[in-house]
Amino acid sequence: MLEVKEVKAEETYPLRHSILRPHQRFEDCIYNTDQDEGVFHVGAFYDGKLVTVASFYPEELPDVTAALPYRLRAMATVPEYRKLGAGRAVVTYAENKLKDQGVDLLWCKGRTSVEEYYVRLGFHAHGDVFDYPPIGPHIVMVKKLEHG
């Protein structure tokens, strides 16, 4: 059974490291903004096992006007749990929370290898592909949050 809830930043670090940055130091997965005001972290659990994490930060996107933008960072899902809806559930949970707070834009710097995944979640590409050393090619993805 899938359960989605907020988690502590420290709970996200093992998945950030093992999935997103396995060839870097563990400390590289700890962001200096993880404990800032307004930041929250969401996890999806299957039968009690943490399988997806994502973090959400109040952060402006240069060259895009938004009243209250948020950035999605460090989204990671354990490979054998992909395509089961955990990632979508985490993003939906966060979007609902953000909408309740009046957030009007969610954006991320996604690896080009997962661009189509973000498109399926309602994001669209913004700008050109760029290199994010030492991780590789990325593209900014944006999603306008509709309040209703």
N, C-alpha and C. Protein backbone atom coordinates (compact mmCIF):
# COMPACT_ATOMS: atom_id res chain seq x y z
N MET A 1 0.85 -1.19 0.00
CA MET A 1 0.00 0.00 0.00
C MET A 1 0.89 1.25 0.00
N LEU A 2 0.50 2.24 -0.78
CA LEU A 2 1.26 3.48 -0.92
C LEU A 2 0.80 4.50 0.12
N GLU A 3 1.77 5.09 0.80
CA GLU A 3 1.51 6.18 1.74
C GLU A 3 2.45 7.33 1.40
N VAL A 4 1.92 8.54 1.31
CA VAL A 4 2.71 9.73 1.02
C VAL A 4 2.59 10.68 2.20
N LYS A 5 3.75 11.18 2.66
CA LYS A 5 3.73 12.10 3.79
C LYS A 5 5.01 12.92 3.80
N GLU A 6 4.99 13.97 4.59
CA GLU A 6 6.21 14.77 4.75
C GLU A 6 7.21 14.01 5.60
N VAL A 7 8.47 14.20 5.26
CA VAL A 7 9.57 13.54 5.96
C VAL A 7 10.62 14.58 6.32
N LYS A 8 11.53 14.21 7.18
CA LYS A 8 12.64 15.08 7.53
C LYS A 8 13.66 15.07 6.40
N ALA A 9 14.38 16.16 6.27
CA ALA A 9 15.41 16.26 5.23
C ALA A 9 16.37 15.08 5.31
N GLU A 10 16.75 14.73 6.52
CA GLU A 10 17.73 13.66 6.72
C GLU A 10 17.25 12.32 6.16
N GLU A 11 15.94 12.12 6.10
CA GLU A 11 15.39 10.88 5.55
C GLU A 11 15.56 10.80 4.04
N THR A 12 15.74 11.95 3.38
CA THR A 12 15.88 11.95 1.92
C THR A 12 17.31 11.65 1.48
N TYR A 13 18.28 11.85 2.35
CA TYR A 13 19.69 11.79 1.94
C TYR A 13 20.12 10.43 1.38
N PRO A 14 19.74 9.31 1.98
CA PRO A 14 20.19 8.04 1.41
C PRO A 14 19.72 7.83 -0.04
N LEU A 15 18.47 8.17 -0.35
CA LEU A 15 18.00 8.01 -1.73
C LEU A 15 18.63 9.04 -2.65
N ARG A 16 18.77 10.27 -2.18
CA ARG A 16 19.47 11.27 -2.99
C ARG A 16 20.85 10.75 -3.39
N HIS A 17 21.55 10.19 -2.43
CA HIS A 17 22.90 9.73 -2.70
C HIS A 17 22.92 8.50 -3.60
N SER A 18 22.17 7.48 -3.25
CA SER A 18 22.26 6.21 -3.99
C SER A 18 21.70 6.31 -5.40
N ILE A 19 20.72 7.20 -5.63
CA ILE A 19 20.09 7.27 -6.95
C ILE A 19 20.59 8.45 -7.78
N LEU A 20 20.70 9.62 -7.15
CA LEU A 20 21.04 10.81 -7.93
C LEU A 20 22.53 11.10 -8.01
N ARG A 21 23.27 10.77 -6.97
CA ARG A 21 24.69 11.14 -6.92
C ARG A 21 25.56 10.02 -6.35
N PRO A 22 25.45 8.81 -6.89
CA PRO A 22 26.19 7.69 -6.30
C PRO A 22 27.70 7.81 -6.42
N HIS A 23 28.18 8.61 -7.35
CA HIS A 23 29.62 8.74 -7.54
C HIS A 23 30.19 9.98 -6.85
N GLN A 24 29.37 10.59 -6.01
CA GLN A 24 29.82 11.74 -5.25
C GLN A 24 29.82 11.40 -3.76
N ARG A 25 30.34 12.29 -2.96
CA ARG A 25 30.35 12.08 -1.52
C ARG A 25 28.92 12.20 -0.98
N PHE A 26 28.63 11.46 0.08
CA PHE A 26 27.32 11.52 0.72
C PHE A 26 26.98 12.96 1.09
N GLU A 27 27.98 13.71 1.57
CA GLU A 27 27.77 15.09 2.00
C GLU A 27 27.28 15.99 0.86
N ASP A 28 27.56 15.61 -0.39
CA ASP A 28 27.11 16.40 -1.54
C ASP A 28 25.60 16.34 -1.71
N CYS A 29 24.95 15.42 -1.02
CA CYS A 29 23.49 15.28 -1.11
C CYS A 29 22.76 16.07 -0.03
N ILE A 30 23.52 16.75 0.80
CA ILE A 30 22.94 17.58 1.86
C ILE A 30 23.03 19.02 1.39
N TYR A 31 21.88 19.63 1.12
CA TYR A 31 21.85 21.00 0.60
C TYR A 31 21.77 21.99 1.75
N ASN A 32 22.47 23.10 1.63
CA ASN A 32 22.49 24.07 2.72
C ASN A 32 21.13 24.75 2.91
N THR A 33 20.20 24.55 2.01
CA THR A 33 18.87 25.14 2.12
C THR A 33 17.82 24.14 2.63
N ASP A 34 18.22 22.92 2.95
CA ASP A 34 17.26 21.89 3.35
C ASP A 34 16.44 22.24 4.58
N GLN A 35 16.97 23.08 5.46
CA GLN A 35 16.28 23.41 6.70
C GLN A 35 15.69 24.82 6.68
N ASP A 36 15.76 25.51 5.53
CA ASP A 36 15.26 26.88 5.45
C ASP A 36 13.75 26.95 5.66
N GLU A 37 13.31 28.12 6.06
CA GLU A 37 11.88 28.35 6.24
C GLU A 37 11.14 28.13 4.93
N GLY A 38 10.03 27.43 5.01
CA GLY A 38 9.20 27.17 3.84
C GLY A 38 9.57 25.92 3.07
N VAL A 39 10.72 25.35 3.36
CA VAL A 39 11.17 24.14 2.67
C VAL A 39 10.48 22.93 3.29
N PHE A 40 10.05 22.00 2.44
CA PHE A 40 9.51 20.74 2.96
C PHE A 40 9.93 19.60 2.05
N HIS A 41 9.90 18.40 2.62
CA HIS A 41 10.37 17.19 1.95
C HIS A 41 9.24 16.16 2.02
N VAL A 42 9.04 15.45 0.93
CA VAL A 42 7.94 14.50 0.84
C VAL A 42 8.50 13.13 0.47
N GLY A 43 7.93 12.10 1.09
CA GLY A 43 8.33 10.74 0.78
C GLY A 43 7.13 9.88 0.47
N ALA A 44 7.35 8.88 -0.39
CA ALA A 44 6.34 7.87 -0.67
C ALA A 44 6.86 6.54 -0.13
N PHE A 45 5.99 5.84 0.56
CA PHE A 45 6.34 4.57 1.19
C PHE A 45 5.45 3.46 0.64
N TYR A 46 6.07 2.36 0.27
CA TYR A 46 5.33 1.15 -0.07
C TYR A 46 5.58 0.16 1.05
N ASP A 47 4.49 -0.25 1.71
CA ASP A 47 4.58 -1.19 2.82
C ASP A 47 5.66 -0.77 3.82
N GLY A 48 5.71 0.53 4.10
CA GLY A 48 6.63 1.06 5.09
C GLY A 48 8.03 1.37 4.59
N LYS A 49 8.35 1.01 3.35
CA LYS A 49 9.68 1.27 2.80
C LYS A 49 9.66 2.58 2.01
N LEU A 50 10.59 3.48 2.34
CA LEU A 50 10.70 4.75 1.63
C LEU A 50 11.25 4.48 0.22
N VAL A 51 10.45 4.79 -0.81
CA VAL A 51 10.84 4.47 -2.18
C VAL A 51 10.98 5.69 -3.08
N THR A 52 10.41 6.82 -2.69
CA THR A 52 10.51 8.06 -3.46
C THR A 52 10.66 9.23 -2.51
N VAL A 53 11.53 10.16 -2.88
CA VAL A 53 11.67 11.41 -2.12
C VAL A 53 11.71 12.58 -3.09
N ALA A 54 11.30 13.72 -2.60
CA ALA A 54 11.44 14.98 -3.34
C ALA A 54 11.40 16.11 -2.32
N SER A 55 12.07 17.20 -2.66
CA SER A 55 12.15 18.35 -1.77
C SER A 55 11.65 19.58 -2.51
N PHE A 56 11.06 20.50 -1.75
CA PHE A 56 10.41 21.67 -2.34
C PHE A 56 10.86 22.93 -1.60
N TYR A 57 11.34 23.90 -2.38
CA TYR A 57 11.98 25.10 -1.85
C TYR A 57 11.34 26.36 -2.43
N PRO A 58 11.06 27.37 -1.61
CA PRO A 58 10.63 28.65 -2.18
C PRO A 58 11.84 29.27 -2.88
N GLU A 59 11.76 29.37 -4.19
CA GLU A 59 12.89 29.90 -4.96
C GLU A 59 12.38 30.45 -6.29
N GLU A 60 12.82 31.65 -6.60
CA GLU A 60 12.44 32.26 -7.88
C GLU A 60 13.17 31.59 -9.03
N LEU A 61 12.54 31.62 -10.17
CA LEU A 61 13.15 31.16 -11.40
C LEU A 61 13.53 32.40 -12.19
N PRO A 62 14.82 32.62 -12.40
CA PRO A 62 15.22 33.81 -13.16
C PRO A 62 14.51 33.87 -14.50
N ASP A 63 14.09 35.03 -14.89
CA ASP A 63 13.42 35.35 -16.16
C ASP A 63 11.98 34.87 -16.25
N VAL A 64 11.40 34.40 -15.14
CA VAL A 64 9.99 34.01 -15.14
C VAL A 64 9.31 34.76 -13.99
N THR A 65 8.24 35.45 -14.31
CA THR A 65 7.50 36.19 -13.29
C THR A 65 6.45 35.28 -12.67
N ALA A 66 6.52 35.15 -11.37
CA ALA A 66 5.53 34.38 -10.63
C ALA A 66 5.38 35.04 -9.27
N ALA A 67 4.15 35.08 -8.77
CA ALA A 67 3.90 35.70 -7.48
C ALA A 67 4.58 34.92 -6.36
N LEU A 68 4.51 33.60 -6.43
CA LEU A 68 5.08 32.77 -5.39
C LEU A 68 5.57 31.45 -6.01
N PRO A 69 6.81 31.42 -6.49
CA PRO A 69 7.34 30.21 -7.12
C PRO A 69 7.99 29.26 -6.11
N TYR A 70 7.97 27.99 -6.43
CA TYR A 70 8.65 26.96 -5.65
C TYR A 70 9.46 26.09 -6.60
N ARG A 71 10.55 25.56 -6.07
CA ARG A 71 11.41 24.69 -6.86
C ARG A 71 11.36 23.26 -6.30
N LEU A 72 11.22 22.32 -7.19
CA LEU A 72 11.31 20.90 -6.87
C LEU A 72 12.76 20.47 -7.08
N ARG A 73 13.33 19.84 -6.07
CA ARG A 73 14.73 19.38 -6.18
C ARG A 73 14.84 17.95 -5.67
N ALA A 74 15.85 17.28 -6.17
CA ALA A 74 16.29 15.99 -5.63
C ALA A 74 15.17 14.96 -5.58
N MET A 75 14.43 14.83 -6.66
CA MET A 75 13.41 13.79 -6.74
C MET A 75 14.08 12.49 -7.14
N ALA A 76 13.83 11.45 -6.38
CA ALA A 76 14.47 10.16 -6.64
C ALA A 76 13.52 9.03 -6.26
N THR A 77 13.49 7.99 -7.09
CA THR A 77 12.69 6.80 -6.82
C THR A 77 13.57 5.56 -6.97
N VAL A 78 13.44 4.66 -6.02
CA VAL A 78 14.15 3.39 -6.09
C VAL A 78 13.78 2.71 -7.42
N PRO A 79 14.76 2.29 -8.21
CA PRO A 79 14.47 1.77 -9.56
C PRO A 79 13.38 0.70 -9.64
N GLU A 80 13.38 -0.25 -8.74
CA GLU A 80 12.38 -1.32 -8.84
C GLU A 80 10.97 -0.88 -8.45
N TYR A 81 10.82 0.36 -7.99
CA TYR A 81 9.50 0.90 -7.65
C TYR A 81 9.03 1.95 -8.65
N ARG A 82 9.78 2.15 -9.71
CA ARG A 82 9.36 3.12 -10.72
C ARG A 82 8.18 2.58 -11.51
N LYS A 83 7.40 3.50 -12.04
CA LYS A 83 6.21 3.19 -12.84
C LYS A 83 5.06 2.63 -12.00
N LEU A 84 5.13 2.83 -10.69
CA LEU A 84 4.05 2.39 -9.80
C LEU A 84 3.25 3.57 -9.26
N GLY A 85 3.60 4.80 -9.65
CA GLY A 85 2.84 5.98 -9.25
C GLY A 85 3.34 6.71 -8.03
N ALA A 86 4.44 6.26 -7.44
CA ALA A 86 4.93 6.91 -6.22
C ALA A 86 5.42 8.32 -6.50
N GLY A 87 6.14 8.52 -7.60
CA GLY A 87 6.63 9.85 -7.95
C GLY A 87 5.49 10.82 -8.20
N ARG A 88 4.53 10.37 -8.99
CA ARG A 88 3.35 11.21 -9.26
C ARG A 88 2.63 11.54 -7.96
N ALA A 89 2.51 10.59 -7.06
CA ALA A 89 1.82 10.82 -5.79
C ALA A 89 2.55 11.85 -4.94
N VAL A 90 3.87 11.81 -4.95
CA VAL A 90 4.66 12.79 -4.19
C VAL A 90 4.47 14.19 -4.77
N VAL A 91 4.53 14.31 -6.08
CA VAL A 91 4.36 15.63 -6.71
C VAL A 91 2.95 16.14 -6.50
N THR A 92 1.95 15.28 -6.62
CA THR A 92 0.56 15.69 -6.40
C THR A 92 0.36 16.16 -4.96
N TYR A 93 0.91 15.44 -4.01
CA TYR A 93 0.83 15.84 -2.60
C TYR A 93 1.40 17.24 -2.43
N ALA A 94 2.59 17.46 -2.97
CA ALA A 94 3.25 18.77 -2.83
C ALA A 94 2.46 19.86 -3.54
N GLU A 95 1.98 19.57 -4.75
CA GLU A 95 1.21 20.58 -5.48
C GLU A 95 -0.03 21.01 -4.70
N ASN A 96 -0.72 20.07 -4.10
CA ASN A 96 -1.91 20.42 -3.31
C ASN A 96 -1.55 21.30 -2.13
N LYS A 97 -0.46 20.98 -1.46
CA LYS A 97 0.00 21.81 -0.34
C LYS A 97 0.38 23.20 -0.83
N LEU A 98 1.11 23.25 -1.95
CA LEU A 98 1.56 24.54 -2.49
C LEU A 98 0.39 25.40 -2.96
N LYS A 99 -0.57 24.79 -3.59
CA LYS A 99 -1.77 25.54 -4.04
C LYS A 99 -2.48 26.17 -2.84
N ASP A 100 -2.58 25.40 -1.74
CA ASP A 100 -3.22 25.92 -0.53
C ASP A 100 -2.47 27.13 0.03
N GLN A 101 -1.17 27.23 -0.28
CA GLN A 101 -0.35 28.35 0.18
C GLN A 101 -0.30 29.49 -0.84
N GLY A 102 -0.99 29.34 -1.96
CA GLY A 102 -1.01 30.38 -2.97
C GLY A 102 0.14 30.34 -3.96
N VAL A 103 0.90 29.26 -3.96
CA VAL A 103 2.01 29.11 -4.91
C VAL A 103 1.44 28.99 -6.32
N ASP A 104 2.04 29.71 -7.26
CA ASP A 104 1.51 29.70 -8.63
C ASP A 104 2.44 29.08 -9.66
N LEU A 105 3.66 28.71 -9.26
CA LEU A 105 4.60 28.12 -10.21
C LEU A 105 5.48 27.10 -9.50
N LEU A 106 5.59 25.91 -10.09
CA LEU A 106 6.51 24.89 -9.62
C LEU A 106 7.50 24.63 -10.74
N TRP A 107 8.79 24.59 -10.41
CA TRP A 107 9.80 24.39 -11.45
C TRP A 107 10.93 23.51 -10.93
N CYS A 108 11.69 22.99 -11.86
CA CYS A 108 12.82 22.16 -11.50
C CYS A 108 13.86 22.19 -12.60
N LYS A 109 15.05 21.74 -12.25
CA LYS A 109 16.10 21.49 -13.23
C LYS A 109 16.18 19.97 -13.35
N GLY A 110 15.57 19.44 -14.40
CA GLY A 110 15.51 17.99 -14.55
C GLY A 110 16.55 17.47 -15.52
N ARG A 111 17.01 16.27 -15.25
CA ARG A 111 17.90 15.62 -16.20
C ARG A 111 17.13 15.41 -17.50
N THR A 112 17.81 15.58 -18.61
CA THR A 112 17.13 15.41 -19.90
C THR A 112 16.60 13.99 -20.06
N SER A 113 17.20 13.04 -19.38
CA SER A 113 16.74 11.65 -19.48
C SER A 113 15.35 11.44 -18.88
N VAL A 114 14.88 12.38 -18.06
CA VAL A 114 13.55 12.25 -17.45
C VAL A 114 12.62 13.39 -17.86
N GLU A 115 12.98 14.11 -18.91
CA GLU A 115 12.15 15.22 -19.37
C GLU A 115 10.72 14.76 -19.68
N GLU A 116 10.58 13.63 -20.37
CA GLU A 116 9.24 13.15 -20.73
C GLU A 116 8.42 12.79 -19.49
N TYR A 117 9.07 12.35 -18.45
CA TYR A 117 8.37 12.06 -17.19
C TYR A 117 7.72 13.34 -16.66
N TYR A 118 8.49 14.41 -16.63
CA TYR A 118 7.95 15.68 -16.14
C TYR A 118 6.84 16.20 -17.05
N VAL A 119 6.96 15.98 -18.34
CA VAL A 119 5.90 16.38 -19.28
C VAL A 119 4.60 15.64 -18.91
N ARG A 120 4.70 14.36 -18.60
CA ARG A 120 3.51 13.60 -18.21
C ARG A 120 2.90 14.13 -16.91
N LEU A 121 3.71 14.80 -16.08
CA LEU A 121 3.20 15.39 -14.84
C LEU A 121 2.67 16.81 -15.05
N GLY A 122 2.69 17.28 -16.30
CA GLY A 122 2.14 18.59 -16.60
C GLY A 122 3.14 19.71 -16.70
N PHE A 123 4.42 19.41 -16.64
CA PHE A 123 5.47 20.42 -16.79
C PHE A 123 5.77 20.61 -18.28
N HIS A 124 6.40 21.72 -18.59
CA HIS A 124 6.92 21.91 -19.95
C HIS A 124 8.31 22.53 -19.88
N ALA A 125 9.08 22.26 -20.92
CA ALA A 125 10.47 22.73 -20.97
C ALA A 125 10.51 24.24 -21.08
N HIS A 126 11.51 24.82 -20.43
CA HIS A 126 11.70 26.27 -20.46
C HIS A 126 13.18 26.52 -20.73
N GLY A 127 13.49 27.06 -21.89
CA GLY A 127 14.88 27.35 -22.21
C GLY A 127 15.59 26.18 -22.86
N ASP A 128 16.89 26.29 -22.91
CA ASP A 128 17.73 25.31 -23.60
C ASP A 128 18.34 24.32 -22.63
N VAL A 129 18.76 23.20 -23.16
CA VAL A 129 19.48 22.19 -22.39
C VAL A 129 20.82 22.80 -21.96
N PHE A 130 21.23 22.49 -20.74
CA PHE A 130 22.51 22.99 -20.23
C PHE A 130 23.20 21.86 -19.47
N ASP A 131 24.50 21.97 -19.31
CA ASP A 131 25.26 20.97 -18.59
C ASP A 131 25.32 21.34 -17.11
N TYR A 132 25.13 20.36 -16.26
CA TYR A 132 25.14 20.54 -14.82
C TYR A 132 26.26 19.64 -14.26
N PRO A 133 27.51 20.14 -14.33
CA PRO A 133 28.64 19.31 -13.91
C PRO A 133 28.50 18.92 -12.43
N PRO A 134 28.83 17.75 -12.04
CA PRO A 134 29.31 16.62 -12.85
C PRO A 134 28.19 15.66 -13.25
N ILE A 135 26.93 16.11 -13.19
CA ILE A 135 25.80 15.21 -13.38
C ILE A 135 25.43 15.01 -14.85
N GLY A 136 25.53 16.08 -15.66
CA GLY A 136 25.21 15.95 -17.08
C GLY A 136 24.13 16.89 -17.55
N PRO A 137 23.56 16.63 -18.73
CA PRO A 137 22.60 17.55 -19.34
C PRO A 137 21.28 17.63 -18.57
N HIS A 138 20.82 18.88 -18.39
CA HIS A 138 19.58 19.19 -17.70
C HIS A 138 18.77 20.18 -18.52
N ILE A 139 17.49 20.29 -18.15
CA ILE A 139 16.63 21.32 -18.73
C ILE A 139 15.69 21.81 -17.63
N VAL A 140 15.39 23.10 -17.66
CA VAL A 140 14.43 23.65 -16.71
C VAL A 140 13.03 23.25 -17.16
N MET A 141 12.25 22.76 -16.22
CA MET A 141 10.86 22.37 -16.47
C MET A 141 9.98 23.22 -15.56
N VAL A 142 8.86 23.72 -16.09
CA VAL A 142 7.98 24.57 -15.30
C VAL A 142 6.54 24.08 -15.38
N LYS A 143 5.79 24.36 -14.33
CA LYS A 143 4.36 24.01 -14.30
C LYS A 143 3.62 25.12 -13.55
N LYS A 144 2.66 25.70 -14.23
CA LYS A 144 1.80 26.70 -13.60
C LYS A 144 0.79 25.97 -12.74
N LEU A 145 0.66 26.37 -11.50
CA LEU A 145 -0.30 25.75 -10.59
C LEU A 145 -1.60 26.52 -10.63
N GLU A 146 -2.63 25.84 -11.04
CA GLU A 146 -3.96 26.46 -11.17
C GLU A 146 -4.70 26.35 -9.84
N HIS A 147 -5.27 27.46 -9.43
CA HIS A 147 -6.05 27.48 -8.20
C HIS A 147 -7.52 27.43 -8.57
N GLY A 148 -8.26 26.57 -7.88
CA GLY A 148 -9.65 26.45 -8.28
C GLY A 148 -10.59 26.23 -7.19
